[in-house]
Amino acid sequence: MTVNFGTWYDFRNPEPWRQSFEDLYANNIAQIAHSESLGFNSVWLTEHHFCDDGYTPSPMVIASAIGHATQHMRVGTNLMLLPIHDPVRMAEDAATLSLLTRGRFDLGVGIGYRQLEFDQFNRKLSHRPSLVEEGIDIIRQAWAGDKVDFSGKRFTVNNLAITPAPVTKPALLLGGMAPPAIDRAARIADGFLSTGGIGLDDYCEALERNGKSAADGNIVLGCWAIIAEDPEKEAAKLGDHILYQANEYIKWGAFGPPDQTPLFPDANAAISNGLYELWDANQAIAELKKLMSSYPQISDIHFWAQFPGESTESGTARLEYIAKNVLPHLK
C-alpha cells in the first residue's frame, strides 16, 4: 500500500500567544500549500466547539479553502464529531467537498466525549453508539445516489433524494481509542483513525473477528512525534505549547474522566508520559519504517504542523526538515 505523509491542524489560538484569527487562518492555509510543494500529500483537520482558544468548529469550511489552495494533496478530517451533527447535512457537505476537490476529500469521524458539546447540540452522550452507527448508514446511502429511506432509534429519513452525489465517494473513516470504538471502526468503516498509534493491534484483531481480513484493513495514523535535528532542544523550546496541548485534552476527557486523570505538572512529564516521541531524522526513518512494516494497513501518517500557540514559521521549519531528511527515505 502506498503511504501518504501529511500534516494535522486544529487552528488553536491560545490566549498566551494570541494573534489575529484572520492572520492565523491565512498563515496556516499558506503553510499547507507550501507543504504540498515540499512533498507532503495529505492534510487533516479536527473539530471541537466552544473552546477559548478557537479550536476549529468548522473543518469542512476550512477544507474547502485548502482544496482551492492545493492541487494534488488529499484533504481529510481527523476527525469530525458525528454524533452532534445531522448526518444528512454532513453527507451533503462531504459530497460537495469531494466534487470541489475532484475526489481528494476523505471524511473521518469519531464518537466525541465532551459533555458541553453534546448538551448544546441536544444530544446525549449515552446515545453515541447509535448516533454513530445510524449516521454512517445514512451517509453511505446518501452518497450512493439513491433516495435515502431510513428509520432508526435516532434518525428518520423519508425517501429523500440527497444530491448531488459525489463522483468519487470519500473514504468514511472512524476513530476511537476504547475497544468498542475500535471494533466499530473495523466493522462499519472504510478505515481506522488511530491517535498516536493507539489501538493498532486491536483494530487488526477486530477485522478478523468481524469476518474480514487484516490485510484488507486501512489505518490512518495521527503521529505525535516531534521530529527535528535536535529533538530534545526542540521539545524544550516548545515545552509550554506541548504542556498546554496535553493538559487541555485531559481536561476535556480525551484520555478518561477528567476528575480521575491528573494533569501533567510540566512539559517533561507530558513528553515522557504522553503520546509524544522525540526523533531526529534517522530515528524517524527507522521508527516509521518499522510501523509501516509491522502494519502494512497504514495508508497515511500525519504530524501536527505546529503545537497550540506555536508560530507557523517555527512549525514550517520542522516540516521542511522532515521533507528534506525523512520523506525521501520513506516514499
Protein backbone atom coordinates (compact mmCIF):
# COMPACT_ATOMS: atom_id res chain seq x y z
CA MET A 1 0.00 0.00 0.00
CA THR A 2 1.27 3.47 -0.89
CA VAL A 3 1.58 5.58 2.26
CA ASN A 4 0.74 9.27 2.26
CA PHE A 5 2.52 11.63 4.62
CA GLY A 6 0.71 14.69 5.82
CA THR A 7 0.05 17.42 8.33
CA TRP A 8 -2.59 17.86 11.05
CA TYR A 9 -4.28 21.11 12.12
CA ASP A 10 -6.59 22.26 14.90
CA PHE A 11 -6.28 26.04 14.28
CA ARG A 12 -5.98 26.73 18.03
CA ASN A 13 -5.02 30.24 19.05
CA PRO A 14 -4.47 30.24 22.84
CA GLU A 15 -4.55 33.47 24.81
CA PRO A 16 -0.87 33.45 25.92
CA TRP A 17 0.21 33.52 22.27
CA ARG A 18 -2.93 35.03 20.71
CA GLN A 19 -2.68 36.51 17.21
CA SER A 20 -5.33 37.73 14.83
CA PHE A 21 -7.52 34.79 13.81
CA GLU A 22 -7.53 36.16 10.27
CA ASP A 23 -3.74 36.01 10.22
CA LEU A 24 -3.71 32.55 11.78
CA TYR A 25 -6.05 31.16 9.15
CA ALA A 26 -4.21 32.84 6.28
CA ASN A 27 -0.80 31.71 7.54
CA ASN A 28 -1.92 28.11 8.02
CA ILE A 29 -3.51 27.89 4.57
CA ALA A 30 -0.30 29.28 3.05
CA GLN A 31 1.71 26.76 5.05
CA ILE A 32 -0.45 23.91 3.78
CA ALA A 33 0.10 24.98 0.17
CA HIS A 34 3.84 25.17 0.90
CA SER A 35 3.80 21.71 2.47
CA GLU A 36 2.34 20.31 -0.75
CA SER A 37 5.30 21.75 -2.66
CA LEU A 38 7.63 20.10 -0.13
CA GLY A 39 6.17 16.65 -0.83
CA PHE A 40 3.52 16.22 1.83
CA ASN A 41 0.47 14.69 0.22
CA SER A 42 -2.29 14.92 2.81
CA VAL A 43 -3.70 17.38 5.33
CA TRP A 44 -6.09 16.59 8.18
CA LEU A 45 -8.41 18.79 10.20
CA THR A 46 -10.03 18.21 13.58
CA GLU A 47 -13.14 19.61 15.27
CA HIS A 48 -14.24 20.93 18.65
CA HIS A 49 -16.65 23.62 19.77
CA PHE A 50 -16.89 26.40 22.37
CA CYS A 51 -13.15 26.46 23.10
CA ASP A 52 -11.46 29.57 24.48
CA ASP A 53 -8.57 29.05 22.05
CA GLY A 54 -10.77 28.84 18.94
CA TYR A 55 -10.17 25.14 18.23
CA THR A 56 -11.81 25.00 14.83
CA PRO A 57 -15.56 24.35 14.86
CA SER A 58 -15.78 24.30 11.04
CA PRO A 59 -13.31 21.87 9.46
CA MET A 60 -15.33 21.43 6.27
CA VAL A 61 -15.27 25.16 5.56
CA ILE A 62 -11.51 25.15 6.02
CA ALA A 63 -11.23 22.01 3.88
CA SER A 64 -12.88 23.88 1.04
CA ALA A 65 -10.28 26.67 1.26
CA ILE A 66 -7.49 24.09 1.34
CA GLY A 67 -8.92 22.32 -1.69
CA HIS A 68 -8.79 25.62 -3.58
CA ALA A 69 -5.21 26.35 -2.43
CA THR A 70 -3.78 22.93 -3.35
CA GLN A 71 -3.63 20.79 -6.45
CA HIS A 72 -2.99 17.17 -5.55
CA MET A 73 -2.88 16.56 -1.80
CA ARG A 74 -5.69 14.71 -0.08
CA VAL A 75 -7.81 16.68 2.37
CA GLY A 76 -9.41 14.84 5.28
CA THR A 77 -10.92 15.20 8.71
CA ASN A 78 -9.34 13.55 11.73
CA LEU A 79 -11.90 13.96 12.98
CA MET A 80 -15.47 15.30 12.84
CA LEU A 81 -17.81 14.68 15.79
CA LEU A 82 -20.52 12.72 14.02
CA PRO A 83 -22.99 12.34 16.95
CA ILE A 84 -23.56 16.10 17.24
CA HIS A 85 -24.23 16.56 13.51
CA ASP A 86 -27.18 15.90 11.24
CA PRO A 87 -25.86 13.03 9.08
CA VAL A 88 -27.81 14.20 6.02
CA ARG A 89 -26.17 17.61 6.25
CA MET A 90 -22.75 16.04 6.80
CA ALA A 91 -23.29 13.80 3.77
CA GLU A 92 -24.16 16.84 1.65
CA ASP A 93 -21.12 18.83 2.80
CA ALA A 94 -18.74 15.92 2.28
CA ALA A 95 -20.16 15.20 -1.18
CA THR A 96 -19.73 18.85 -2.09
CA LEU A 97 -16.12 18.80 -0.91
CA SER A 98 -15.45 15.68 -2.95
CA LEU A 99 -16.81 17.44 -6.03
CA LEU A 100 -14.86 20.64 -5.36
CA THR A 101 -11.59 18.74 -4.90
CA ARG A 102 -12.23 16.24 -7.71
CA GLY A 103 -12.23 13.31 -5.32
CA ARG A 104 -9.49 14.41 -2.91
CA PHE A 105 -11.62 14.54 0.25
CA ASP A 106 -11.93 11.86 2.95
CA LEU A 107 -14.38 12.03 5.85
CA GLY A 108 -13.07 10.90 9.21
CA VAL A 109 -15.50 10.88 12.12
CA GLY A 110 -15.49 9.96 15.78
CA ILE A 111 -17.80 9.46 18.71
CA GLY A 112 -16.88 12.54 20.78
CA TYR A 113 -16.56 12.89 24.54
CA ARG A 114 -17.14 16.49 25.70
CA GLN A 115 -20.36 16.90 27.66
CA LEU A 116 -20.60 20.61 26.76
CA GLU A 117 -20.78 19.88 23.04
CA PHE A 118 -23.45 17.24 23.43
CA ASP A 119 -25.52 19.45 25.70
CA GLN A 120 -25.51 22.39 23.32
CA PHE A 121 -26.44 20.29 20.30
CA ASN A 122 -29.17 18.44 22.20
CA ARG A 123 -27.55 15.03 22.10
CA LYS A 124 -26.92 12.53 24.88
CA LEU A 125 -23.51 11.01 25.49
CA SER A 126 -25.20 7.69 26.19
CA HIS A 127 -26.63 7.69 22.66
CA ARG A 128 -23.24 8.00 20.96
CA PRO A 129 -23.00 4.42 19.62
CA SER A 130 -26.40 4.50 17.91
CA LEU A 131 -25.86 8.07 16.66
CA VAL A 132 -22.61 6.99 15.01
CA GLU A 133 -23.91 3.73 13.56
CA GLU A 134 -27.09 5.26 12.15
CA GLY A 135 -25.21 8.33 10.93
CA ILE A 136 -22.74 6.25 8.96
CA ASP A 137 -25.56 4.19 7.47
CA ILE A 138 -27.36 7.37 6.31
CA ILE A 139 -24.18 8.93 4.89
CA ARG A 140 -23.42 5.81 2.86
CA GLN A 141 -26.95 5.73 1.45
CA ALA A 142 -26.76 9.42 0.62
CA TRP A 143 -23.52 9.01 -1.33
CA ALA A 144 -24.91 6.07 -3.31
CA GLY A 145 -27.07 8.45 -5.34
CA ASP A 146 -30.34 6.69 -4.50
CA LYS A 147 -33.11 8.05 -2.35
CA VAL A 148 -32.46 7.61 1.37
CA ASP A 149 -35.17 5.75 3.25
CA PHE A 150 -34.14 5.20 6.83
CA SER A 151 -35.88 4.67 10.16
CA GLY A 152 -33.84 4.15 13.31
CA LYS A 153 -33.70 4.94 17.02
CA ARG A 154 -32.17 8.39 16.43
CA PHE A 155 -32.91 9.42 12.85
CA THR A 156 -35.66 9.12 10.27
CA VAL A 157 -35.18 10.00 6.60
CA ASN A 158 -38.25 9.52 4.40
CA ASN A 159 -37.42 8.60 0.81
CA LEU A 160 -35.23 11.68 0.36
CA ALA A 161 -33.07 12.38 -2.67
CA ILE A 162 -29.73 13.82 -1.49
CA THR A 163 -27.99 15.45 -4.42
CA PRO A 164 -25.55 15.90 -5.96
CA ALA A 165 -23.88 12.61 -5.14
CA PRO A 166 -20.08 12.55 -5.14
CA VAL A 167 -18.45 11.25 -8.31
CA THR A 168 -15.73 9.81 -6.06
CA LYS A 169 -17.09 8.65 -2.73
CA PRO A 170 -14.91 9.83 0.15
CA ALA A 171 -13.40 7.19 2.37
CA LEU A 172 -15.53 7.06 5.52
CA LEU A 173 -13.07 6.62 8.40
CA LEU A 174 -13.82 6.13 12.08
CA GLY A 175 -11.63 6.93 15.06
CA GLY A 176 -11.58 5.72 18.62
CA MET A 177 -9.35 4.63 21.49
CA ALA A 178 -11.64 2.33 23.50
CA PRO A 179 -12.05 -1.31 22.37
CA PRO A 180 -15.76 -0.95 21.42
CA ALA A 181 -14.98 2.08 19.23
CA ILE A 182 -12.10 0.28 17.54
CA ASP A 183 -14.27 -2.75 16.92
CA ARG A 184 -16.90 -0.46 15.38
CA ALA A 185 -14.29 1.01 13.03
CA ALA A 186 -13.33 -2.48 11.87
CA ARG A 187 -16.96 -3.45 11.40
CA ILE A 188 -18.57 -0.49 9.61
CA ALA A 189 -15.89 1.98 8.44
CA ASP A 190 -13.53 2.17 5.48
CA GLY A 191 -10.61 2.63 7.83
CA PHE A 192 -9.43 3.33 11.37
CA LEU A 193 -8.20 6.72 12.60
CA SER A 194 -5.51 5.94 15.17
CA THR A 195 -4.37 8.64 17.59
CA GLY A 196 -0.72 8.30 18.46
CA GLY A 197 -0.62 4.65 17.42
CA ILE A 198 -3.25 3.61 19.97
CA GLY A 199 -5.30 0.56 19.02
CA LEU A 200 -3.36 -0.78 16.02
CA ASP A 201 -3.30 -4.40 17.21
CA ASP A 202 -6.88 -4.14 18.48
CA TYR A 203 -8.02 -2.96 15.04
CA CYS A 204 -6.30 -5.80 13.20
CA GLU A 205 -7.79 -8.34 15.60
CA ALA A 206 -11.23 -6.74 15.27
CA LEU A 207 -11.08 -7.08 11.50
CA GLU A 208 -10.59 -10.83 11.83
CA ARG A 209 -13.29 -11.01 14.50
CA ASN A 210 -15.74 -9.30 12.16
CA GLY A 211 -15.08 -11.70 9.30
CA LYS A 212 -12.64 -9.54 7.41
CA SER A 213 -9.01 -9.98 6.54
CA ALA A 214 -6.49 -7.94 8.49
CA ALA A 215 -4.65 -7.49 5.20
CA ASP A 216 -7.63 -5.54 3.87
CA GLY A 217 -7.62 -3.04 6.74
CA ASN A 218 -6.88 0.64 6.42
CA ILE A 219 -5.12 2.66 9.14
CA VAL A 220 -4.79 6.44 9.10
CA LEU A 221 -2.28 7.32 11.79
CA GLY A 222 -2.10 10.67 13.56
CA CYS A 223 1.51 10.69 14.78
CA TRP A 224 2.51 12.89 17.74
CA ALA A 225 6.25 12.69 17.11
CA ILE A 226 8.39 15.82 17.31
CA ILE A 227 10.93 15.40 14.53
CA ALA A 228 13.89 17.78 14.42
CA GLU A 229 17.66 17.78 14.09
CA ASP A 230 17.92 18.11 17.88
CA PRO A 231 14.52 16.87 19.11
CA GLU A 232 15.29 17.37 22.81
CA LYS A 233 16.24 21.01 22.17
CA GLU A 234 13.13 21.43 20.01
CA ALA A 235 10.92 19.96 22.73
CA ALA A 236 12.44 22.28 25.32
CA LYS A 237 11.66 25.24 23.08
CA LEU A 238 8.08 24.02 22.63
CA GLY A 239 7.57 22.96 26.24
CA ASP A 240 4.80 25.40 27.15
CA HIS A 241 2.90 24.64 23.93
CA ILE A 242 3.21 20.88 24.42
CA LEU A 243 2.05 21.09 28.03
CA TYR A 244 -0.91 23.23 27.01
CA GLN A 245 -1.99 20.76 24.32
CA ALA A 246 -1.70 17.68 26.51
CA ASN A 247 -3.45 19.16 29.53
CA GLU A 248 -6.34 20.67 27.55
CA TYR A 249 -7.17 17.24 26.14
CA ILE A 250 -7.01 15.76 29.64
CA LYS A 251 -9.33 18.48 30.99
CA TRP A 252 -11.87 17.65 28.27
CA GLY A 253 -11.83 13.93 29.00
CA ALA A 254 -9.96 12.66 25.94
CA PHE A 255 -7.95 10.18 28.00
CA GLY A 256 -10.51 9.25 30.62
CA PRO A 257 -12.77 11.00 33.14
CA PRO A 258 -11.19 14.41 33.87
CA ASP A 259 -11.71 14.04 37.61
CA GLN A 260 -9.72 10.79 37.53
CA THR A 261 -6.96 11.73 35.06
CA PRO A 262 -4.31 14.00 36.59
CA LEU A 263 -2.84 16.88 34.63
CA PHE A 264 0.83 16.81 33.73
CA PRO A 265 2.80 19.06 36.10
CA ASP A 266 5.30 20.15 33.46
CA ALA A 267 6.35 19.65 29.86
CA ASN A 268 8.88 16.94 30.68
CA ALA A 269 6.14 14.86 32.27
CA ALA A 270 3.84 15.42 29.28
CA ILE A 271 6.53 14.30 26.86
CA SER A 272 7.67 11.33 28.94
CA ASN A 273 4.21 10.03 29.79
CA GLY A 274 2.07 11.32 26.93
CA LEU A 275 1.78 10.41 23.25
CA TYR A 276 4.87 12.39 22.18
CA GLU A 277 8.02 10.88 20.69
CA LEU A 278 11.28 12.76 20.16
CA TRP A 279 13.03 11.72 16.95
CA ASP A 280 15.79 13.03 14.77
CA ALA A 281 15.71 12.13 11.08
CA ASN A 282 17.44 8.78 11.45
CA GLN A 283 15.20 7.77 14.35
CA ALA A 284 12.11 8.90 12.46
CA ILE A 285 13.06 6.88 9.39
CA ALA A 286 13.71 3.77 11.47
CA GLU A 287 10.56 4.09 13.60
CA LEU A 288 8.26 4.91 10.69
CA LYS A 289 9.68 2.09 8.57
CA LYS A 290 9.08 -0.28 11.47
CA LEU A 291 5.48 0.91 11.79
CA MET A 292 4.85 0.57 8.07
CA SER A 293 6.38 -2.91 8.03
CA SER A 294 4.50 -4.09 11.11
CA TYR A 295 1.21 -2.63 9.95
CA PRO A 296 1.00 -2.74 6.15
CA GLN A 297 -2.57 -1.49 6.56
CA ILE A 298 -1.22 2.03 7.17
CA SER A 299 -2.20 4.33 4.31
CA ASP A 300 -1.42 7.70 5.87
CA ILE A 301 0.83 9.11 8.61
CA HIS A 302 0.44 12.75 9.56
CA PHE A 303 2.06 15.07 12.08
CA TRP A 304 0.93 18.19 13.96
CA ALA A 305 2.03 21.09 11.78
CA GLN A 306 2.55 23.13 14.93
CA PHE A 307 1.50 23.00 18.53
CA PRO A 308 -1.09 25.38 20.01
CA GLY A 309 0.30 28.89 20.02
CA GLU A 310 3.48 27.98 18.16
CA SER A 311 4.22 30.24 15.20
CA THR A 312 3.77 28.94 11.68
CA GLU A 313 7.41 29.85 11.00
CA SER A 314 8.54 27.51 13.76
CA GLY A 315 6.26 24.71 12.55
CA THR A 316 7.34 25.20 8.95
CA ALA A 317 10.99 24.74 9.91
CA ARG A 318 10.14 21.29 11.27
CA LEU A 319 8.09 20.40 8.19
CA GLU A 320 10.98 21.42 5.94
CA TYR A 321 13.36 19.28 8.00
CA ILE A 322 11.03 16.27 7.65
CA ALA A 323 10.56 16.88 3.93
CA LYS A 324 14.29 17.07 3.28
CA ASN A 325 15.61 14.42 5.65
CA VAL A 326 12.83 11.89 6.27
CA LEU A 327 10.25 11.68 3.48
CA PRO A 328 12.73 10.82 0.66
CA HIS A 329 13.71 7.67 2.59
CA LEU A 330 10.12 6.52 3.08
CA LYS A 331 8.44 7.11 -0.28
